[in-house]
Amino acid sequence: MGMGIDIRNRLARRAAEEIQSGMVVNLGIGIPSLVPNHLPANINVMFHAENGITGMGPSPARGDEDENLCNAGGFPVTLKTGGSYCDSAVSFAMIRRGRVDITVLGSLQVSERGDLANWIVPGKKVPGMGGAMELAQKAKKVIVLMNHCDKAGNSKLLRECTMPLTARACVDLIITELAVFQVTNEGLVLTEIFAPYDVADIANKTECEFTISQKVRQIPY
C-alpha cells in the first residue's frame, strides 16, 4: 500500500521540526524533498545537493524551470539569494568534512542499531548509491523518513537488515507513519506516536525490540 500525500507531508512536517536556522541540510529524493514546504518562514536554511548546490530554494512554478538547475535527483529547483554552485567533488568534500548538519533520507530498511539499507533492492537496476554512503557516515544528524512496513506488510524496522547496507550504525532518528524512534546505544526508543495509532499497533508492525520513552508525545492529525 502506497503512502497518501497527506501522510507523506505528515512525515516531512515532523522532520522539519529538527531543522534550525543556520543549518546546512541535505535532502534525499522522495518524501524528504517535501521538508522545505513545512519550514516556518523565519527559519533560514541552506539546502545542499550532492551535484553542487548549497542554498536551494523552493521548486519552481511550472514553466519557470531552468533546464540547467536541478537537484541530485534530477528535479528542477531554484536558488536562494546567497546560494552558490560548486562541482560535485567540492560538494562531496563538504559532506566528508562534516559540514552538513542534517541529512534526511528515505530507506528500505533500518536495523535496531541504526544500520541503513537504502540504496538497492537486489535484482533491480539502480543508478548507483549516490551520496547516501557519505551522508550517512558524515552528516551530524541522520534522519530517515519511511513507511513502517514494505508493500508486502513486512516491517522495515529489523533486528538485522536483509538488504545490502549503505552504512552501519549511522541513523539517529526514524520517522514512519506510525511513530518516531530515537536510535540509541541501547537500541530503538519510541518517543512519539502519530494519531490514531497506539503502542500495540507499533509493536505488531515492528520486527525488532524497542523501549518506550518515559514521556511519549502523541502527535495529532
N, C-alpha and C. Protein backbone atom coordinates (compact mmCIF):
# COMPACT_ATOMS: atom_id res chain seq x y z
N MET A 1 0.84 -1.19 0.00
CA MET A 1 0.00 0.00 0.00
C MET A 1 0.88 1.24 0.00
N GLY A 2 0.67 2.14 -0.95
CA GLY A 2 1.46 3.35 -1.02
C GLY A 2 1.01 4.37 0.03
N MET A 3 1.81 5.40 0.16
CA MET A 3 1.51 6.42 1.16
C MET A 3 0.72 7.56 0.53
N GLY A 4 -0.34 7.99 1.17
CA GLY A 4 -1.09 9.15 0.69
C GLY A 4 -0.25 10.41 0.84
N ILE A 5 -0.58 11.42 0.05
CA ILE A 5 0.21 12.66 0.09
C ILE A 5 0.15 13.30 1.47
N ASP A 6 -1.01 13.15 2.16
CA ASP A 6 -1.12 13.76 3.48
C ASP A 6 -0.18 13.08 4.48
N ILE A 7 -0.05 11.76 4.37
CA ILE A 7 0.87 11.04 5.28
C ILE A 7 2.31 11.40 4.97
N ARG A 8 2.63 11.50 3.69
CA ARG A 8 3.99 11.91 3.30
C ARG A 8 4.31 13.28 3.88
N ASN A 9 3.36 14.19 3.81
CA ASN A 9 3.57 15.53 4.35
C ASN A 9 3.64 15.52 5.88
N ARG A 10 2.93 14.61 6.48
CA ARG A 10 2.99 14.47 7.94
C ARG A 10 4.42 14.11 8.39
N LEU A 11 5.02 13.18 7.67
CA LEU A 11 6.40 12.79 7.98
C LEU A 11 7.36 13.95 7.73
N ALA A 12 7.17 14.62 6.59
CA ALA A 12 8.04 15.75 6.24
C ALA A 12 7.92 16.87 7.26
N ARG A 13 6.68 17.11 7.74
CA ARG A 13 6.46 18.17 8.72
C ARG A 13 7.18 17.86 10.04
N ARG A 14 7.14 16.58 10.44
CA ARG A 14 7.83 16.20 11.68
C ARG A 14 9.35 16.35 11.52
N ALA A 15 9.87 15.97 10.35
CA ALA A 15 11.32 16.10 10.11
C ALA A 15 11.72 17.57 10.13
N ALA A 16 10.85 18.45 9.63
CA ALA A 16 11.16 19.88 9.58
C ALA A 16 11.37 20.45 10.98
N GLU A 17 10.77 19.82 12.00
CA GLU A 17 10.94 20.30 13.38
C GLU A 17 12.38 20.19 13.85
N GLU A 18 13.16 19.33 13.22
CA GLU A 18 14.55 19.11 13.64
C GLU A 18 15.49 20.20 13.11
N ILE A 19 15.00 20.99 12.17
CA ILE A 19 15.87 21.94 11.46
C ILE A 19 15.83 23.31 12.12
N GLN A 20 17.01 23.86 12.35
CA GLN A 20 17.13 25.18 12.95
C GLN A 20 17.82 26.14 11.98
N SER A 21 17.61 27.44 12.21
CA SER A 21 18.23 28.45 11.35
C SER A 21 19.75 28.28 11.33
N GLY A 22 20.32 28.52 10.16
CA GLY A 22 21.77 28.48 10.02
C GLY A 22 22.32 27.12 9.64
N MET A 23 21.47 26.12 9.58
CA MET A 23 21.94 24.76 9.26
C MET A 23 22.16 24.59 7.76
N VAL A 24 23.05 23.65 7.43
CA VAL A 24 23.18 23.14 6.07
C VAL A 24 22.51 21.77 6.08
N VAL A 25 21.51 21.59 5.22
CA VAL A 25 20.66 20.39 5.26
C VAL A 25 20.63 19.74 3.89
N ASN A 26 20.85 18.43 3.86
CA ASN A 26 20.80 17.68 2.60
C ASN A 26 19.54 16.82 2.61
N LEU A 27 18.77 16.89 1.52
CA LEU A 27 17.52 16.14 1.42
C LEU A 27 17.63 15.06 0.36
N GLY A 28 17.23 13.84 0.72
CA GLY A 28 17.15 12.76 -0.26
C GLY A 28 15.93 12.96 -1.15
N ILE A 29 15.79 12.08 -2.15
CA ILE A 29 14.64 12.18 -3.05
C ILE A 29 13.44 11.48 -2.41
N GLY A 30 12.25 11.78 -2.91
CA GLY A 30 11.04 11.19 -2.33
C GLY A 30 10.49 12.07 -1.22
N ILE A 31 10.03 11.44 -0.14
CA ILE A 31 9.38 12.19 0.94
C ILE A 31 10.29 13.31 1.48
N PRO A 32 11.62 13.08 1.64
CA PRO A 32 12.46 14.16 2.18
C PRO A 32 12.39 15.46 1.38
N SER A 33 12.11 15.36 0.08
CA SER A 33 12.07 16.58 -0.74
C SER A 33 10.88 17.48 -0.37
N LEU A 34 9.94 16.97 0.43
CA LEU A 34 8.79 17.77 0.87
C LEU A 34 9.09 18.60 2.11
N VAL A 35 10.23 18.34 2.76
CA VAL A 35 10.54 19.00 4.04
C VAL A 35 10.53 20.54 3.94
N PRO A 36 11.10 21.15 2.89
CA PRO A 36 11.13 22.62 2.84
C PRO A 36 9.74 23.26 2.89
N ASN A 37 8.72 22.53 2.41
CA ASN A 37 7.36 23.08 2.41
C ASN A 37 6.83 23.28 3.83
N HIS A 38 7.50 22.71 4.83
CA HIS A 38 6.98 22.72 6.20
C HIS A 38 7.85 23.55 7.15
N LEU A 39 8.79 24.31 6.59
CA LEU A 39 9.63 25.15 7.46
C LEU A 39 8.97 26.50 7.69
N PRO A 40 8.96 26.98 8.94
CA PRO A 40 8.44 28.33 9.19
C PRO A 40 9.27 29.37 8.42
N ALA A 41 8.63 30.47 8.07
CA ALA A 41 9.28 31.50 7.25
C ALA A 41 10.52 32.08 7.92
N ASN A 42 10.55 32.06 9.26
CA ASN A 42 11.68 32.68 9.97
C ASN A 42 12.90 31.76 10.09
N ILE A 43 12.78 30.54 9.57
CA ILE A 43 13.93 29.62 9.62
C ILE A 43 14.71 29.78 8.32
N ASN A 44 15.98 30.12 8.45
CA ASN A 44 16.82 30.35 7.27
C ASN A 44 17.83 29.21 7.15
N VAL A 45 17.67 28.39 6.12
CA VAL A 45 18.45 27.16 5.98
C VAL A 45 19.09 27.14 4.60
N MET A 46 20.28 26.59 4.52
CA MET A 46 20.90 26.33 3.22
C MET A 46 20.73 24.85 2.88
N PHE A 47 19.91 24.57 1.87
CA PHE A 47 19.73 23.19 1.43
C PHE A 47 20.84 22.84 0.44
N HIS A 48 21.43 21.67 0.66
CA HIS A 48 22.62 21.22 -0.07
C HIS A 48 22.26 20.03 -0.95
N ALA A 49 22.80 20.00 -2.16
CA ALA A 49 22.62 18.84 -3.05
C ALA A 49 23.99 18.35 -3.51
N GLU A 50 24.11 17.03 -3.62
CA GLU A 50 25.41 16.43 -3.96
C GLU A 50 25.95 16.89 -5.30
N ASN A 51 25.05 17.29 -6.21
CA ASN A 51 25.53 17.68 -7.53
C ASN A 51 26.13 19.08 -7.54
N GLY A 52 26.14 19.77 -6.37
CA GLY A 52 26.91 21.01 -6.29
C GLY A 52 26.13 22.29 -6.08
N ILE A 53 25.06 22.21 -5.28
CA ILE A 53 24.30 23.42 -4.94
C ILE A 53 24.25 23.53 -3.42
N THR A 54 24.50 24.71 -2.89
CA THR A 54 24.22 25.00 -1.49
C THR A 54 23.34 26.24 -1.48
N GLY A 55 22.11 26.09 -0.97
CA GLY A 55 21.18 27.21 -0.96
C GLY A 55 20.04 27.05 -1.95
N MET A 56 19.51 25.82 -2.04
CA MET A 56 18.36 25.60 -2.93
C MET A 56 17.13 26.27 -2.36
N GLY A 57 16.34 26.87 -3.27
CA GLY A 57 15.06 27.46 -2.90
C GLY A 57 13.93 26.49 -3.20
N PRO A 58 12.70 26.98 -3.19
CA PRO A 58 11.55 26.11 -3.45
C PRO A 58 11.51 25.63 -4.89
N SER A 59 10.69 24.63 -5.13
CA SER A 59 10.51 24.14 -6.51
C SER A 59 9.94 25.26 -7.36
N PRO A 60 10.41 25.37 -8.60
CA PRO A 60 9.89 26.44 -9.47
C PRO A 60 8.46 26.14 -9.92
N ALA A 61 7.71 27.20 -10.22
CA ALA A 61 6.39 27.01 -10.80
C ALA A 61 6.54 26.39 -12.19
N ARG A 62 5.52 25.64 -12.61
CA ARG A 62 5.57 25.02 -13.94
C ARG A 62 5.76 26.10 -15.00
N GLY A 63 6.74 25.89 -15.86
CA GLY A 63 7.03 26.89 -16.89
C GLY A 63 8.19 27.79 -16.51
N ASP A 64 8.52 27.85 -15.21
CA ASP A 64 9.63 28.70 -14.75
C ASP A 64 10.90 27.90 -14.48
N GLU A 65 10.91 26.62 -14.87
CA GLU A 65 12.08 25.79 -14.60
C GLU A 65 13.29 26.28 -15.40
N ASP A 66 14.46 26.12 -14.81
CA ASP A 66 15.72 26.37 -15.53
C ASP A 66 16.30 24.99 -15.86
N GLU A 67 16.45 24.70 -17.15
CA GLU A 67 16.89 23.35 -17.55
C GLU A 67 18.28 23.00 -17.02
N ASN A 68 19.06 24.01 -16.61
CA ASN A 68 20.41 23.75 -16.09
C ASN A 68 20.45 23.65 -14.57
N LEU A 69 19.31 23.77 -13.90
CA LEU A 69 19.32 23.84 -12.45
C LEU A 69 18.42 22.75 -11.87
N CYS A 70 19.05 21.71 -11.33
CA CYS A 70 18.28 20.61 -10.75
C CYS A 70 18.98 20.09 -9.50
N ASN A 71 18.27 19.32 -8.72
CA ASN A 71 18.87 18.71 -7.53
C ASN A 71 19.49 17.36 -7.89
N ALA A 72 19.98 16.64 -6.89
CA ALA A 72 20.70 15.39 -7.15
C ALA A 72 19.78 14.32 -7.74
N GLY A 73 18.47 14.48 -7.54
CA GLY A 73 17.52 13.53 -8.12
C GLY A 73 17.10 13.89 -9.53
N GLY A 74 17.62 15.04 -10.04
CA GLY A 74 17.29 15.46 -11.40
C GLY A 74 16.04 16.31 -11.50
N PHE A 75 15.47 16.70 -10.35
CA PHE A 75 14.25 17.52 -10.37
C PHE A 75 14.60 19.01 -10.37
N PRO A 76 13.80 19.84 -11.05
CA PRO A 76 14.12 21.26 -11.13
C PRO A 76 14.02 21.94 -9.77
N VAL A 77 14.95 22.84 -9.50
CA VAL A 77 14.95 23.60 -8.24
C VAL A 77 15.24 25.07 -8.55
N THR A 78 15.19 25.89 -7.51
CA THR A 78 15.60 27.29 -7.62
C THR A 78 16.76 27.53 -6.67
N LEU A 79 17.38 28.70 -6.79
CA LEU A 79 18.49 29.06 -5.92
C LEU A 79 18.09 30.27 -5.08
N LYS A 80 18.33 30.18 -3.76
CA LYS A 80 18.03 31.30 -2.89
C LYS A 80 19.10 32.39 -3.03
N THR A 81 18.76 33.60 -2.63
CA THR A 81 19.75 34.67 -2.55
C THR A 81 20.86 34.21 -1.60
N GLY A 82 22.12 34.34 -2.04
CA GLY A 82 23.24 33.87 -1.23
C GLY A 82 23.61 32.43 -1.48
N GLY A 83 22.86 31.76 -2.33
CA GLY A 83 23.20 30.38 -2.69
C GLY A 83 24.42 30.33 -3.58
N SER A 84 25.00 29.14 -3.71
CA SER A 84 26.21 29.03 -4.54
C SER A 84 26.28 27.67 -5.22
N TYR A 85 27.10 27.63 -6.27
CA TYR A 85 27.33 26.39 -7.02
C TYR A 85 28.77 25.96 -6.84
N CYS A 86 28.98 24.66 -6.92
CA CYS A 86 30.36 24.13 -6.96
C CYS A 86 30.31 22.82 -7.75
N ASP A 87 31.47 22.24 -8.00
CA ASP A 87 31.44 20.93 -8.67
C ASP A 87 31.14 19.85 -7.62
N SER A 88 30.85 18.65 -8.10
CA SER A 88 30.43 17.61 -7.15
C SER A 88 31.58 17.17 -6.25
N ALA A 89 32.81 17.35 -6.68
CA ALA A 89 33.95 17.00 -5.80
C ALA A 89 33.96 17.89 -4.56
N VAL A 90 33.75 19.19 -4.74
CA VAL A 90 33.68 20.11 -3.59
C VAL A 90 32.44 19.80 -2.75
N SER A 91 31.34 19.49 -3.43
CA SER A 91 30.10 19.16 -2.72
C SER A 91 30.30 17.95 -1.80
N PHE A 92 30.98 16.92 -2.33
CA PHE A 92 31.26 15.73 -1.51
C PHE A 92 32.29 16.02 -0.43
N ALA A 93 33.21 16.93 -0.72
CA ALA A 93 34.19 17.32 0.31
C ALA A 93 33.47 17.99 1.49
N MET A 94 32.43 18.78 1.20
CA MET A 94 31.64 19.39 2.27
C MET A 94 31.00 18.31 3.14
N ILE A 95 30.48 17.28 2.49
CA ILE A 95 29.86 16.18 3.26
C ILE A 95 30.91 15.45 4.09
N ARG A 96 32.01 15.07 3.43
CA ARG A 96 33.03 14.25 4.12
C ARG A 96 33.71 15.01 5.24
N ARG A 97 33.73 16.33 5.16
CA ARG A 97 34.37 17.16 6.18
C ARG A 97 33.42 17.40 7.36
N GLY A 98 32.16 16.92 7.24
CA GLY A 98 31.21 17.08 8.33
C GLY A 98 30.51 18.42 8.34
N ARG A 99 30.42 19.07 7.17
CA ARG A 99 29.80 20.40 7.11
C ARG A 99 28.29 20.34 6.96
N VAL A 100 27.73 19.16 6.73
CA VAL A 100 26.28 19.03 6.61
C VAL A 100 25.71 18.70 8.00
N ASP A 101 24.80 19.55 8.47
CA ASP A 101 24.25 19.39 9.82
C ASP A 101 23.24 18.25 9.90
N ILE A 102 22.36 18.17 8.91
CA ILE A 102 21.32 17.14 8.91
C ILE A 102 21.19 16.60 7.50
N THR A 103 21.02 15.28 7.39
CA THR A 103 20.57 14.71 6.14
C THR A 103 19.27 13.97 6.41
N VAL A 104 18.31 14.15 5.50
CA VAL A 104 17.01 13.49 5.61
C VAL A 104 16.91 12.53 4.43
N LEU A 105 16.83 11.24 4.73
CA LEU A 105 16.91 10.20 3.70
C LEU A 105 15.69 9.28 3.77
N GLY A 106 15.32 8.72 2.64
CA GLY A 106 14.38 7.60 2.63
C GLY A 106 15.16 6.33 2.89
N SER A 107 14.45 5.24 3.18
CA SER A 107 15.16 3.98 3.39
C SER A 107 14.29 2.78 3.07
N LEU A 108 14.96 1.68 2.73
CA LEU A 108 14.29 0.40 2.52
C LEU A 108 14.17 -0.36 3.84
N GLN A 109 15.23 -0.28 4.66
CA GLN A 109 15.26 -0.95 5.96
C GLN A 109 16.18 -0.18 6.91
N VAL A 110 15.89 -0.26 8.20
CA VAL A 110 16.80 0.25 9.24
C VAL A 110 16.85 -0.81 10.34
N SER A 111 18.04 -1.10 10.85
CA SER A 111 18.14 -2.06 11.95
C SER A 111 18.02 -1.36 13.29
N GLU A 112 17.86 -2.17 14.34
CA GLU A 112 17.71 -1.60 15.69
C GLU A 112 18.97 -0.86 16.14
N ARG A 113 20.09 -1.11 15.48
CA ARG A 113 21.33 -0.38 15.80
C ARG A 113 21.51 0.87 14.95
N GLY A 114 20.56 1.10 14.04
CA GLY A 114 20.68 2.25 13.17
C GLY A 114 21.47 1.98 11.90
N ASP A 115 21.63 0.69 11.54
CA ASP A 115 22.21 0.37 10.23
C ASP A 115 21.21 0.81 9.16
N LEU A 116 21.73 1.34 8.06
CA LEU A 116 20.88 1.88 6.99
C LEU A 116 21.04 1.04 5.72
N ALA A 117 19.91 0.60 5.16
CA ALA A 117 19.92 -0.07 3.85
C ALA A 117 18.96 0.72 2.97
N ASN A 118 19.51 1.55 2.10
CA ASN A 118 18.59 2.40 1.31
C ASN A 118 19.02 2.58 -0.14
N TRP A 119 19.94 1.74 -0.62
CA TRP A 119 20.42 2.08 -1.97
C TRP A 119 20.07 1.06 -3.04
N ILE A 120 19.77 -0.20 -2.68
CA ILE A 120 19.47 -1.16 -3.74
C ILE A 120 18.56 -2.27 -3.24
N VAL A 121 17.58 -2.61 -4.08
CA VAL A 121 16.81 -3.83 -3.90
C VAL A 121 17.49 -4.86 -4.80
N PRO A 122 18.06 -5.95 -4.22
CA PRO A 122 18.80 -6.91 -5.06
C PRO A 122 17.96 -7.35 -6.27
N GLY A 123 18.63 -7.34 -7.42
CA GLY A 123 17.96 -7.77 -8.64
C GLY A 123 17.32 -6.64 -9.42
N LYS A 124 17.20 -5.46 -8.80
CA LYS A 124 16.63 -4.31 -9.51
C LYS A 124 17.74 -3.38 -9.96
N LYS A 125 17.50 -2.70 -11.08
CA LYS A 125 18.52 -1.76 -11.57
C LYS A 125 18.42 -0.46 -10.79
N VAL A 126 19.57 0.08 -10.42
CA VAL A 126 19.60 1.40 -9.77
C VAL A 126 20.71 2.23 -10.41
N PRO A 127 20.59 3.56 -10.33
CA PRO A 127 21.65 4.40 -10.91
C PRO A 127 22.93 4.39 -10.09
N GLY A 128 22.88 3.91 -8.85
CA GLY A 128 24.08 3.90 -8.01
C GLY A 128 23.72 4.38 -6.62
N MET A 129 24.71 4.36 -5.74
CA MET A 129 24.45 4.71 -4.35
C MET A 129 24.29 6.21 -4.15
N GLY A 130 24.81 7.01 -5.07
CA GLY A 130 24.72 8.45 -4.92
C GLY A 130 25.51 8.90 -3.69
N GLY A 131 25.02 9.92 -3.02
CA GLY A 131 25.75 10.46 -1.87
C GLY A 131 25.37 9.81 -0.56
N ALA A 132 24.47 8.82 -0.60
CA ALA A 132 23.92 8.27 0.65
C ALA A 132 25.01 7.70 1.57
N MET A 133 26.01 7.06 0.99
CA MET A 133 27.06 6.44 1.81
C MET A 133 27.81 7.50 2.62
N GLU A 134 28.23 8.57 1.94
CA GLU A 134 28.94 9.64 2.63
C GLU A 134 28.03 10.38 3.61
N LEU A 135 26.82 10.69 3.16
CA LEU A 135 25.89 11.43 4.02
C LEU A 135 25.58 10.65 5.29
N ALA A 136 25.35 9.35 5.14
CA ALA A 136 25.01 8.53 6.30
C ALA A 136 26.14 8.51 7.33
N GLN A 137 27.37 8.52 6.84
CA GLN A 137 28.52 8.45 7.74
C GLN A 137 28.90 9.81 8.32
N LYS A 138 28.72 10.87 7.55
CA LYS A 138 29.38 12.13 7.90
C LYS A 138 28.44 13.27 8.30
N ALA A 139 27.14 13.19 7.95
CA ALA A 139 26.23 14.26 8.40
C ALA A 139 26.15 14.19 9.92
N LYS A 140 26.00 15.36 10.55
CA LYS A 140 25.97 15.38 12.02
C LYS A 140 24.74 14.68 12.56
N LYS A 141 23.63 14.70 11.81
CA LYS A 141 22.42 14.01 12.23
C LYS A 141 21.78 13.36 11.01
N VAL A 142 21.41 12.09 11.13
CA VAL A 142 20.82 11.34 10.02
C VAL A 142 19.38 10.99 10.39
N ILE A 143 18.43 11.51 9.62
CA ILE A 143 17.01 11.28 9.85
C ILE A 143 16.46 10.44 8.69
N VAL A 144 15.75 9.36 9.02
CA VAL A 144 15.14 8.51 8.00
C VAL A 144 13.63 8.72 8.02
N LEU A 145 13.05 8.99 6.83
CA LEU A 145 11.60 9.04 6.66
C LEU A 145 11.20 7.85 5.79
N MET A 146 10.32 7.00 6.30
CA MET A 146 9.95 5.81 5.50
C MET A 146 8.64 5.22 5.98
N ASN A 147 8.02 4.39 5.11
CA ASN A 147 6.90 3.55 5.52
C ASN A 147 7.37 2.63 6.63
N HIS A 148 6.48 2.33 7.57
CA HIS A 148 6.85 1.41 8.66
C HIS A 148 7.02 -0.02 8.12
N CYS A 149 6.19 -0.37 7.12
CA CYS A 149 6.25 -1.72 6.52
C CYS A 149 6.40 -1.60 5.01
N ASP A 150 6.90 -2.67 4.40
CA ASP A 150 7.03 -2.66 2.94
C ASP A 150 5.68 -3.04 2.30
N LYS A 151 5.65 -3.10 0.97
CA LYS A 151 4.39 -3.35 0.27
C LYS A 151 3.77 -4.69 0.64
N ALA A 152 4.61 -5.64 1.06
CA ALA A 152 4.10 -6.97 1.44
C ALA A 152 3.67 -7.02 2.91
N GLY A 153 3.81 -5.88 3.61
CA GLY A 153 3.41 -5.84 5.02
C GLY A 153 4.50 -6.24 5.99
N ASN A 154 5.73 -6.43 5.49
CA ASN A 154 6.84 -6.78 6.38
C ASN A 154 7.45 -5.53 7.00
N SER A 155 7.82 -5.62 8.26
CA SER A 155 8.44 -4.50 8.96
C SER A 155 9.72 -4.06 8.27
N LYS A 156 9.92 -2.76 8.17
CA LYS A 156 11.18 -2.22 7.65
C LYS A 156 12.14 -1.87 8.79
N LEU A 157 11.65 -2.03 10.05
CA LEU A 157 12.49 -1.87 11.25
C LEU A 157 12.84 -3.26 11.73
N LEU A 158 14.12 -3.61 11.63
CA LEU A 158 14.54 -5.01 11.79
C LEU A 158 15.67 -5.16 12.80
N ARG A 159 15.79 -6.39 13.33
CA ARG A 159 16.98 -6.70 14.15
C ARG A 159 18.22 -6.57 13.28
N GLU A 160 18.16 -7.15 12.10
CA GLU A 160 19.27 -7.08 11.14
C GLU A 160 18.70 -6.76 9.77
N CYS A 161 19.27 -5.81 9.07
CA CYS A 161 18.84 -5.55 7.70
C CYS A 161 19.15 -6.77 6.83
N THR A 162 18.24 -7.09 5.92
CA THR A 162 18.48 -8.20 4.98
C THR A 162 18.97 -7.69 3.63
N MET A 163 18.81 -6.39 3.38
CA MET A 163 19.29 -5.82 2.12
C MET A 163 20.70 -5.26 2.30
N PRO A 164 21.41 -5.06 1.19
CA PRO A 164 22.79 -4.55 1.31
C PRO A 164 22.81 -3.20 2.03
N LEU A 165 23.77 -3.05 2.95
CA LEU A 165 23.83 -1.84 3.77
C LEU A 165 24.45 -0.67 3.01
N THR A 166 23.95 0.51 3.32
CA THR A 166 24.56 1.75 2.86
C THR A 166 25.65 2.16 3.84
N ALA A 167 25.34 2.07 5.14
CA ALA A 167 26.30 2.38 6.21
C ALA A 167 25.80 1.76 7.51
N ARG A 168 26.74 1.47 8.41
CA ARG A 168 26.37 0.87 9.69
C ARG A 168 26.18 1.93 10.77
N ALA A 169 25.28 1.64 11.70
CA ALA A 169 25.11 2.43 12.94
C ALA A 169 25.20 3.93 12.69
N CYS A 170 24.40 4.41 11.75
CA CYS A 170 24.50 5.83 11.34
C CYS A 170 23.22 6.61 11.57
N VAL A 171 22.08 5.92 11.70
CA VAL A 171 20.79 6.62 11.79
C VAL A 171 20.56 7.13 13.21
N ASP A 172 20.10 8.38 13.33
CA ASP A 172 19.81 8.98 14.63
C ASP A 172 18.33 9.00 14.96
N LEU A 173 17.49 9.22 13.94
CA LEU A 173 16.07 9.40 14.15
C LEU A 173 15.31 8.73 13.01
N ILE A 174 14.26 7.97 13.35
CA ILE A 174 13.43 7.29 12.35
C ILE A 174 12.01 7.81 12.50
N ILE A 175 11.44 8.27 11.39
CA ILE A 175 10.06 8.77 11.39
C ILE A 175 9.27 7.93 10.38
N THR A 176 8.24 7.22 10.88
CA THR A 176 7.34 6.46 9.99
C THR A 176 5.93 7.03 10.16
N GLU A 177 4.99 6.46 9.42
CA GLU A 177 3.61 6.96 9.54
C GLU A 177 2.98 6.57 10.88
N LEU A 178 3.63 5.67 11.62
CA LEU A 178 3.12 5.25 12.93
C LEU A 178 3.78 5.99 14.08
N ALA A 179 5.09 6.21 13.98
CA ALA A 179 5.82 6.62 15.18
C ALA A 179 7.16 7.25 14.85
N VAL A 180 7.77 7.80 15.91
CA VAL A 180 9.12 8.35 15.84
C VAL A 180 9.99 7.59 16.83
N PHE A 181 11.15 7.14 16.37
CA PHE A 181 12.11 6.41 17.22
C PHE A 181 13.44 7.15 17.25
N GLN A 182 14.02 7.25 18.43
CA GLN A 182 15.42 7.66 18.56
C GLN A 182 16.26 6.39 18.53
N VAL A 183 17.41 6.44 17.85
CA VAL A 183 18.33 5.31 17.87
C VAL A 183 19.39 5.60 18.93
N THR A 184 19.49 4.72 19.91
CA THR A 184 20.46 4.92 21.00
C THR A 184 21.40 3.72 21.05
N ASN A 185 22.41 3.80 21.91
CA ASN A 185 23.34 2.67 22.07
C ASN A 185 22.63 1.44 22.61
N GLU A 186 21.49 1.65 23.28
CA GLU A 186 20.73 0.52 23.82
C GLU A 186 19.66 0.03 22.84
N GLY A 187 19.60 0.61 21.65
CA GLY A 187 18.59 0.20 20.67
C GLY A 187 17.58 1.31 20.42
N LEU A 188 16.43 0.94 19.87
CA LEU A 188 15.43 1.92 19.49
C LEU A 188 14.59 2.34 20.70
N VAL A 189 14.31 3.64 20.79
CA VAL A 189 13.44 4.17 21.83
C VAL A 189 12.26 4.86 21.14
N LEU A 190 11.05 4.40 21.46
CA LEU A 190 9.84 5.01 20.93
C LEU A 190 9.57 6.30 21.69
N THR A 191 9.59 7.42 20.98
CA THR A 191 9.42 8.72 21.66
C THR A 191 8.13 9.44 21.27
N GLU A 192 7.56 9.11 20.11
CA GLU A 192 6.36 9.81 19.64
C GLU A 192 5.48 8.84 18.88
N ILE A 193 4.16 9.04 19.00
CA ILE A 193 3.19 8.20 18.30
C ILE A 193 2.24 9.10 17.52
N PHE A 194 2.03 8.76 16.25
CA PHE A 194 1.08 9.50 15.43
C PHE A 194 -0.34 8.99 15.68
N ALA A 195 -1.30 9.92 15.87
CA ALA A 195 -2.70 9.51 15.93
C ALA A 195 -3.05 8.85 14.59
N PRO A 196 -3.90 7.83 14.59
CA PRO A 196 -4.68 7.25 15.68
C PRO A 196 -4.03 5.98 16.27
N TYR A 197 -2.73 5.81 16.12
CA TYR A 197 -2.10 4.53 16.49
C TYR A 197 -1.76 4.47 17.97
N ASP A 198 -1.51 3.24 18.45
CA ASP A 198 -1.07 3.06 19.83
C ASP A 198 0.13 2.12 19.87
N VAL A 199 0.64 1.89 21.07
CA VAL A 199 1.87 1.09 21.21
C VAL A 199 1.67 -0.31 20.66
N ALA A 200 0.49 -0.88 20.85
CA ALA A 200 0.23 -2.24 20.35
C ALA A 200 0.33 -2.29 18.82
N ASP A 201 -0.23 -1.28 18.14
CA ASP A 201 -0.13 -1.23 16.67
C ASP A 201 1.33 -1.22 16.24
N ILE A 202 2.12 -0.42 16.95
CA ILE A 202 3.53 -0.25 16.58
C ILE A 202 4.31 -1.54 16.85
N ALA A 203 4.06 -2.15 18.00
CA ALA A 203 4.75 -3.42 18.33
C ALA A 203 4.41 -4.50 17.32
N ASN A 204 3.15 -4.53 16.87
CA ASN A 204 2.72 -5.53 15.88
C ASN A 204 3.46 -5.42 14.57
N LYS A 205 3.86 -4.20 14.22
CA LYS A 205 4.45 -3.97 12.89
C LYS A 205 5.95 -3.72 12.97
N THR A 206 6.56 -4.00 14.12
CA THR A 206 8.00 -3.76 14.29
C THR A 206 8.68 -5.07 14.61
N GLU A 207 9.62 -5.47 13.74
CA GLU A 207 10.25 -6.79 13.91
C GLU A 207 11.25 -6.82 15.06
N CYS A 208 11.86 -5.67 15.35
CA CYS A 208 12.88 -5.65 16.41
C CYS A 208 12.27 -5.15 17.72
N GLU A 209 13.03 -5.33 18.78
CA GLU A 209 12.61 -4.82 20.09
C GLU A 209 12.78 -3.30 20.13
N PHE A 210 12.00 -2.65 20.97
CA PHE A 210 12.23 -1.23 21.25
C PHE A 210 11.78 -0.94 22.67
N THR A 211 12.34 0.10 23.25
CA THR A 211 11.87 0.52 24.56
C THR A 211 10.99 1.76 24.38
N ILE A 212 10.21 2.05 25.39
CA ILE A 212 9.27 3.17 25.30
C ILE A 212 9.76 4.28 26.21
N SER A 213 9.87 5.47 25.65
CA SER A 213 10.33 6.63 26.41
C SER A 213 9.37 6.89 27.58
N GLN A 214 9.92 7.45 28.67
CA GLN A 214 9.07 7.77 29.82
C GLN A 214 8.02 8.81 29.45
N LYS A 215 8.40 9.72 28.56
CA LYS A 215 7.44 10.71 28.07
C LYS A 215 7.25 10.48 26.58
N VAL A 216 6.06 9.98 26.21
CA VAL A 216 5.77 9.77 24.78
C VAL A 216 4.86 10.88 24.30
N ARG A 217 5.28 11.54 23.22
CA ARG A 217 4.47 12.61 22.64
C ARG A 217 3.43 12.00 21.69
N GLN A 218 2.19 12.41 21.84
CA GLN A 218 1.15 11.99 20.90
C GLN A 218 1.02 13.09 19.85
N ILE A 219 1.19 12.74 18.58
CA ILE A 219 1.09 13.74 17.51
C ILE A 219 -0.30 13.65 16.88
N PRO A 220 -1.13 14.69 17.03
CA PRO A 220 -2.49 14.65 16.47
C PRO A 220 -2.44 14.80 14.95
N TYR A 221 -3.58 14.65 14.32
CA TYR A 221 -3.66 14.86 12.88
C TYR A 221 -3.28 16.28 12.52
